Amino acid sequence: MSTEKIPMTPEGHTALEKEAKHLKSVERPRIIKAIAEARAHGDLSENAEYHAAKEQQGMTEARVKELENSLSRAQIIDISKMQGDTIKFGATVTIVDEDTDEEIRYQLVGDFESDAGNGKISISSPVARALMGKKVGDSAEVATPGGGRFFEVLKIEYI
C-alpha cells in the first residue's frame, strides 16, 4: 500500500469518515444478521441468500479498508486559508472553451471528492492537470480523444 498523502478538503474528509462509520455501524451488523439467517436455512452449498450476503460482506469490508487507508493518508487542506494567482488544489476556476465560448466553473478537489456534475473535478483529471499552475489569461490544452481542446483561464478563487 502506498504511503503517499492524499489531498482533500475538510468536507471531503468528513464525507469519507461518515461513509466509513455508516458501513461499520449499520451495514456490517445488517450483513452479519443476513448471513446468520441464511445459515439457519441449512445447506450452504446451494443457498443463494448466504452466497449473496457473503459477497456483499466482502465488498463492504474492501470498501471499509479502502476508506480507512485513505483517511489515514489524508492531507486535509483548508482552502479558506489559501490564496494566490496560480491554480492549485482547492482553487475554484472559471474557464472558457476557446472553440465554443462556453464558460465552465470547477473546483479542483481530491480524487474521492470529485463530482463533475456539481462542479468538482479531481486534481488527477486531464482538465485539472492541464490547469495546474496556470494564471488568469493563460491558455491550457487538454488532450481528448477528438483532439486537443483549449481553455482560457478567466478567474481563480479560493473560497
C-alpha atoms as a PDB file:
ATOM      1  CA  MET A   1       0.000   0.000   0.000  1.00  0.00           C
ATOM      2  CA  SER A   2       1.109   3.481  -0.787  1.00  0.00           C
ATOM      3  CA  THR A   3       2.067   5.916   1.946  1.00  0.00           C
ATOM      4  CA  GLU A   4       1.638   8.935  -0.305  1.00  0.00           C
ATOM      5  CA  LYS A   5      -0.549  11.659   1.189  1.00  0.00           C
ATOM      6  CA  ILE A   6      -3.997  12.194  -0.315  1.00  0.00           C
ATOM      7  CA  PRO A   7      -5.050  15.842  -0.500  1.00  0.00           C
ATOM      8  CA  MET A   8      -8.663  16.530   0.414  1.00  0.00           C
ATOM      9  CA  THR A   9     -10.862  19.304   1.666  1.00  0.00           C
ATOM     10  CA  PRO A  10     -12.273  19.214   5.206  1.00  0.00           C
ATOM     11  CA  GLU A  11     -15.695  18.470   3.654  1.00  0.00           C
ATOM     12  CA  GLY A  12     -14.289  15.549   1.672  1.00  0.00           C
ATOM     13  CA  HIS A  13     -12.606  14.139   4.789  1.00  0.00           C
ATOM     14  CA  THR A  14     -15.853  14.400   6.743  1.00  0.00           C
ATOM     15  CA  ALA A  15     -17.755  12.611   3.957  1.00  0.00           C
ATOM     16  CA  LEU A  16     -15.264   9.720   3.973  1.00  0.00           C
ATOM     17  CA  GLU A  17     -15.467   9.452   7.769  1.00  0.00           C
ATOM     18  CA  LYS A  18     -19.267   9.431   7.583  1.00  0.00           C
ATOM     19  CA  GLU A  19     -19.287   6.683   4.943  1.00  0.00           C
ATOM     20  CA  ALA A  20     -16.826   4.545   6.949  1.00  0.00           C
ATOM     21  CA  LYS A  21     -18.887   4.965  10.127  1.00  0.00           C
ATOM     22  CA  HIS A  22     -22.101   4.001   8.267  1.00  0.00           C
ATOM     23  CA  LEU A  23     -20.507   0.888   6.798  1.00  0.00           C
ATOM     24  CA  LYS A  24     -19.155  -0.211  10.186  1.00  0.00           C
ATOM     25  CA  SER A  25     -22.153   0.616  12.369  1.00  0.00           C
ATOM     26  CA  VAL A  26     -25.083  -0.072  10.001  1.00  0.00           C
ATOM     27  CA  GLU A  27     -24.038  -2.243   7.071  1.00  0.00           C
ATOM     28  CA  ARG A  28     -21.746  -4.694   8.920  1.00  0.00           C
ATOM     29  CA  PRO A  29     -24.382  -5.657  11.504  1.00  0.00           C
ATOM     30  CA  ARG A  30     -27.053  -5.951   8.804  1.00  0.00           C
ATOM     31  CA  ILE A  31     -24.870  -8.259   6.711  1.00  0.00           C
ATOM     32  CA  ILE A  32     -23.869 -10.367   9.720  1.00  0.00           C
ATOM     33  CA  LYS A  33     -27.559 -10.812  10.523  1.00  0.00           C
ATOM     34  CA  ALA A  34     -28.315 -11.764   6.899  1.00  0.00           C
ATOM     35  CA  ILE A  35     -25.525 -14.366   6.942  1.00  0.00           C
ATOM     36  CA  ALA A  36     -26.808 -15.839  10.205  1.00  0.00           C
ATOM     37  CA  GLU A  37     -30.354 -16.053   8.841  1.00  0.00           C
ATOM     38  CA  ALA A  38     -29.160 -17.676   5.615  1.00  0.00           C
ATOM     39  CA  ARG A  39     -27.079 -20.208   7.603  1.00  0.00           C
ATOM     40  CA  ALA A  40     -30.187 -21.191   9.521  1.00  0.00           C
ATOM     41  CA  HIS A  41     -31.771 -22.359   6.249  1.00  0.00           C
ATOM     42  CA  GLY A  42     -29.413 -25.321   6.119  1.00  0.00           C
ATOM     43  CA  ASP A  43     -27.244 -26.487   3.196  1.00  0.00           C
ATOM     44  CA  LEU A  44     -24.893 -23.596   2.347  1.00  0.00           C
ATOM     45  CA  SER A  45     -23.685 -25.016  -0.972  1.00  0.00           C
ATOM     46  CA  GLU A  46     -26.965 -24.132  -2.720  1.00  0.00           C
ATOM     47  CA  ASN A  47     -28.044 -21.244  -0.520  1.00  0.00           C
ATOM     48  CA  ALA A  48     -28.246 -18.135  -2.754  1.00  0.00           C
ATOM     49  CA  GLU A  49     -29.036 -15.796   0.162  1.00  0.00           C
ATOM     50  CA  TYR A  50     -25.934 -16.958   2.007  1.00  0.00           C
ATOM     51  CA  HIS A  51     -23.665 -16.508  -1.015  1.00  0.00           C
ATOM     52  CA  ALA A  52     -25.141 -13.076  -1.788  1.00  0.00           C
ATOM     53  CA  ALA A  53     -24.634 -11.938   1.819  1.00  0.00           C
ATOM     54  CA  LYS A  54     -21.051 -13.235   1.858  1.00  0.00           C
ATOM     55  CA  GLU A  55     -20.324 -11.410  -1.404  1.00  0.00           C
ATOM     56  CA  GLN A  56     -21.806  -8.210   0.000  1.00  0.00           C
ATOM     57  CA  GLN A  57     -19.731  -8.686   3.148  1.00  0.00           C
ATOM     58  CA  GLY A  58     -16.567  -8.948   1.052  1.00  0.00           C
ATOM     59  CA  MET A  59     -17.381  -5.799  -0.916  1.00  0.00           C
ATOM     60  CA  THR A  60     -18.244  -3.876   2.257  1.00  0.00           C
ATOM     61  CA  GLU A  61     -15.032  -4.928   4.016  1.00  0.00           C
ATOM     62  CA  ALA A  62     -12.980  -3.968   0.950  1.00  0.00           C
ATOM     63  CA  ARG A  63     -14.603  -0.519   0.905  1.00  0.00           C
ATOM     64  CA  VAL A  64     -14.013  -0.059   4.660  1.00  0.00           C
ATOM     65  CA  LYS A  65     -10.353  -0.957   4.161  1.00  0.00           C
ATOM     66  CA  GLU A  66     -10.074   1.488   1.237  1.00  0.00           C
ATOM     67  CA  LEU A  67     -11.720   4.276   3.262  1.00  0.00           C
ATOM     68  CA  GLU A  68      -9.546   3.662   6.329  1.00  0.00           C
ATOM     69  CA  ASN A  69      -6.422   3.672   4.155  1.00  0.00           C
ATOM     70  CA  SER A  70      -7.446   6.950   2.529  1.00  0.00           C
ATOM     71  CA  LEU A  71      -8.345   8.553   5.850  1.00  0.00           C
ATOM     72  CA  SER A  72      -5.016   7.514   7.366  1.00  0.00           C
ATOM     73  CA  ARG A  73      -3.163   9.174   4.472  1.00  0.00           C
ATOM     74  CA  ALA A  74      -5.394  12.265   4.285  1.00  0.00           C
ATOM     75  CA  GLN A  75      -3.756  15.642   3.972  1.00  0.00           C
ATOM     76  CA  ILE A  76      -6.586  17.998   4.871  1.00  0.00           C
ATOM     77  CA  ILE A  77      -6.198  21.326   3.126  1.00  0.00           C
ATOM     78  CA  ASP A  78      -8.240  24.289   4.365  1.00  0.00           C
ATOM     79  CA  ILE A  79      -8.983  26.184   1.175  1.00  0.00           C
ATOM     80  CA  SER A  80     -10.322  29.217   3.050  1.00  0.00           C
ATOM     81  CA  LYS A  81      -6.744  29.952   4.161  1.00  0.00           C
ATOM     82  CA  MET A  82      -5.345  29.710   0.632  1.00  0.00           C
ATOM     83  CA  GLN A  83      -4.658  32.480  -1.824  1.00  0.00           C
ATOM     84  CA  GLY A  84      -2.566  33.212  -4.857  1.00  0.00           C
ATOM     85  CA  ASP A  85      -2.786  33.921  -8.523  1.00  0.00           C
ATOM     86  CA  THR A  86      -1.968  30.429  -9.789  1.00  0.00           C
ATOM     87  CA  ILE A  87      -4.204  27.370  -9.932  1.00  0.00           C
ATOM     88  CA  LYS A  88      -3.526  24.708  -7.313  1.00  0.00           C
ATOM     89  CA  PHE A  89      -5.507  22.206  -5.247  1.00  0.00           C
ATOM     90  CA  GLY A  90      -8.729  23.704  -3.941  1.00  0.00           C
ATOM     91  CA  ALA A  91      -8.947  26.536  -6.453  1.00  0.00           C
ATOM     92  CA  THR A  92     -12.311  27.343  -7.973  1.00  0.00           C
ATOM     93  CA  VAL A  93     -11.608  28.292 -11.555  1.00  0.00           C
ATOM     94  CA  THR A  94     -13.738  29.784 -14.280  1.00  0.00           C
ATOM     95  CA  ILE A  95     -12.517  28.799 -17.720  1.00  0.00           C
ATOM     96  CA  VAL A  96     -13.829  29.314 -21.224  1.00  0.00           C
ATOM     97  CA  ASP A  97     -13.676  26.748 -24.024  1.00  0.00           C
ATOM     98  CA  GLU A  98     -11.873  28.658 -26.773  1.00  0.00           C
ATOM     99  CA  ASP A  99     -13.766  26.777 -29.507  1.00  0.00           C
ATOM    100  CA  THR A 100     -17.324  27.066 -28.192  1.00  0.00           C
ATOM    101  CA  ASP A 101     -17.043  30.127 -25.881  1.00  0.00           C
ATOM    102  CA  GLU A 102     -18.752  28.039 -23.178  1.00  0.00           C
ATOM    103  CA  GLU A 103     -17.826  29.166 -19.667  1.00  0.00           C
ATOM    104  CA  ILE A 104     -17.252  26.403 -17.127  1.00  0.00           C
ATOM    105  CA  ARG A 105     -16.624  26.681 -13.386  1.00  0.00           C
ATOM    106  CA  TYR A 106     -14.781  23.929 -11.496  1.00  0.00           C
ATOM    107  CA  GLN A 107     -13.285  23.421  -8.084  1.00  0.00           C
ATOM    108  CA  LEU A 108     -10.159  21.220  -8.058  1.00  0.00           C
ATOM    109  CA  VAL A 109     -10.582  18.634  -5.305  1.00  0.00           C
ATOM    110  CA  GLY A 110      -9.224  15.239  -4.246  1.00  0.00           C
ATOM    111  CA  ASP A 111      -9.987  12.041  -6.138  1.00  0.00           C
ATOM    112  CA  PHE A 112     -12.585  10.836  -3.620  1.00  0.00           C
ATOM    113  CA  GLU A 113     -14.443  14.159  -3.685  1.00  0.00           C
ATOM    114  CA  SER A 114     -14.798  14.650  -7.412  1.00  0.00           C
ATOM    115  CA  ASP A 115     -18.307  15.163  -8.751  1.00  0.00           C
ATOM    116  CA  ALA A 116     -18.179  16.829 -12.159  1.00  0.00           C
ATOM    117  CA  GLY A 117     -21.951  17.231 -12.205  1.00  0.00           C
ATOM    118  CA  ASN A 118     -21.598  19.524  -9.186  1.00  0.00           C
ATOM    119  CA  GLY A 119     -18.559  21.377 -10.492  1.00  0.00           C
ATOM    120  CA  LYS A 120     -15.896  19.432  -8.579  1.00  0.00           C
ATOM    121  CA  ILE A 121     -13.167  17.759 -10.598  1.00  0.00           C
ATOM    122  CA  SER A 122     -10.323  15.579  -9.386  1.00  0.00           C
ATOM    123  CA  ILE A 123      -6.854  17.089  -9.384  1.00  0.00           C
ATOM    124  CA  SER A 124      -5.744  13.995 -11.291  1.00  0.00           C
ATOM    125  CA  SER A 125      -8.248  14.571 -14.127  1.00  0.00           C
ATOM    126  CA  PRO A 126      -6.862  15.685 -17.505  1.00  0.00           C
ATOM    127  CA  VAL A 127      -8.553  19.095 -17.260  1.00  0.00           C
ATOM    128  CA  ALA A 128      -7.216  19.777 -13.759  1.00  0.00           C
ATOM    129  CA  ARG A 129      -3.711  18.594 -14.659  1.00  0.00           C
ATOM    130  CA  ALA A 130      -3.703  20.952 -17.658  1.00  0.00           C
ATOM    131  CA  LEU A 131      -4.852  23.878 -15.473  1.00  0.00           C
ATOM    132  CA  MET A 132      -2.419  23.403 -12.569  1.00  0.00           C
ATOM    133  CA  GLY A 133      -0.018  26.323 -12.245  1.00  0.00           C
ATOM    134  CA  LYS A 134      -1.844  28.492 -14.793  1.00  0.00           C
ATOM    135  CA  LYS A 135      -2.793  32.138 -14.167  1.00  0.00           C
ATOM    136  CA  VAL A 136      -5.693  34.301 -15.323  1.00  0.00           C
ATOM    137  CA  GLY A 137      -5.314  34.846 -19.068  1.00  0.00           C
ATOM    138  CA  ASP A 138      -3.295  31.661 -19.601  1.00  0.00           C
ATOM    139  CA  SER A 139      -4.446  29.034 -22.055  1.00  0.00           C
ATOM    140  CA  ALA A 140      -4.405  25.312 -21.268  1.00  0.00           C
ATOM    141  CA  GLU A 141      -4.574  22.449 -23.747  1.00  0.00           C
ATOM    142  CA  VAL A 142      -6.419  19.308 -22.719  1.00  0.00           C
ATOM    143  CA  ALA A 143      -5.820  16.190 -24.804  1.00  0.00           C
ATOM    144  CA  THR A 144      -9.096  14.476 -25.709  1.00  0.00           C
ATOM    145  CA  PRO A 145      -9.867  11.523 -27.989  1.00  0.00           C
ATOM    146  CA  GLY A 146     -11.162  14.006 -30.574  1.00  0.00           C
ATOM    147  CA  GLY A 147      -8.004  16.139 -30.409  1.00  0.00           C
ATOM    148  CA  GLY A 148      -6.786  18.958 -28.192  1.00  0.00           C
ATOM    149  CA  ARG A 149      -9.236  21.368 -26.588  1.00  0.00           C
ATOM    150  CA  PHE A 150      -8.087  24.766 -25.434  1.00  0.00           C
ATOM    151  CA  PHE A 151      -9.366  26.587 -22.366  1.00  0.00           C
ATOM    152  CA  GLU A 152      -8.568  30.102 -21.226  1.00  0.00           C
ATOM    153  CA  VAL A 153      -8.459  30.848 -17.506  1.00  0.00           C
ATOM    154  CA  LEU A 154     -10.855  33.686 -16.689  1.00  0.00           C
ATOM    155  CA  LYS A 155     -10.931  33.644 -12.894  1.00  0.00           C
ATOM    156  CA  ILE A 156      -9.200  31.920  -9.943  1.00  0.00           C
ATOM    157  CA  GLU A 157     -10.768  31.924  -6.484  1.00  0.00           C
ATOM    158  CA  TYR A 158     -10.019  30.250  -3.168  1.00  0.00           C
ATOM    159  CA  ILE A 159     -13.383  30.135  -1.401  1.00  0.00           C
END
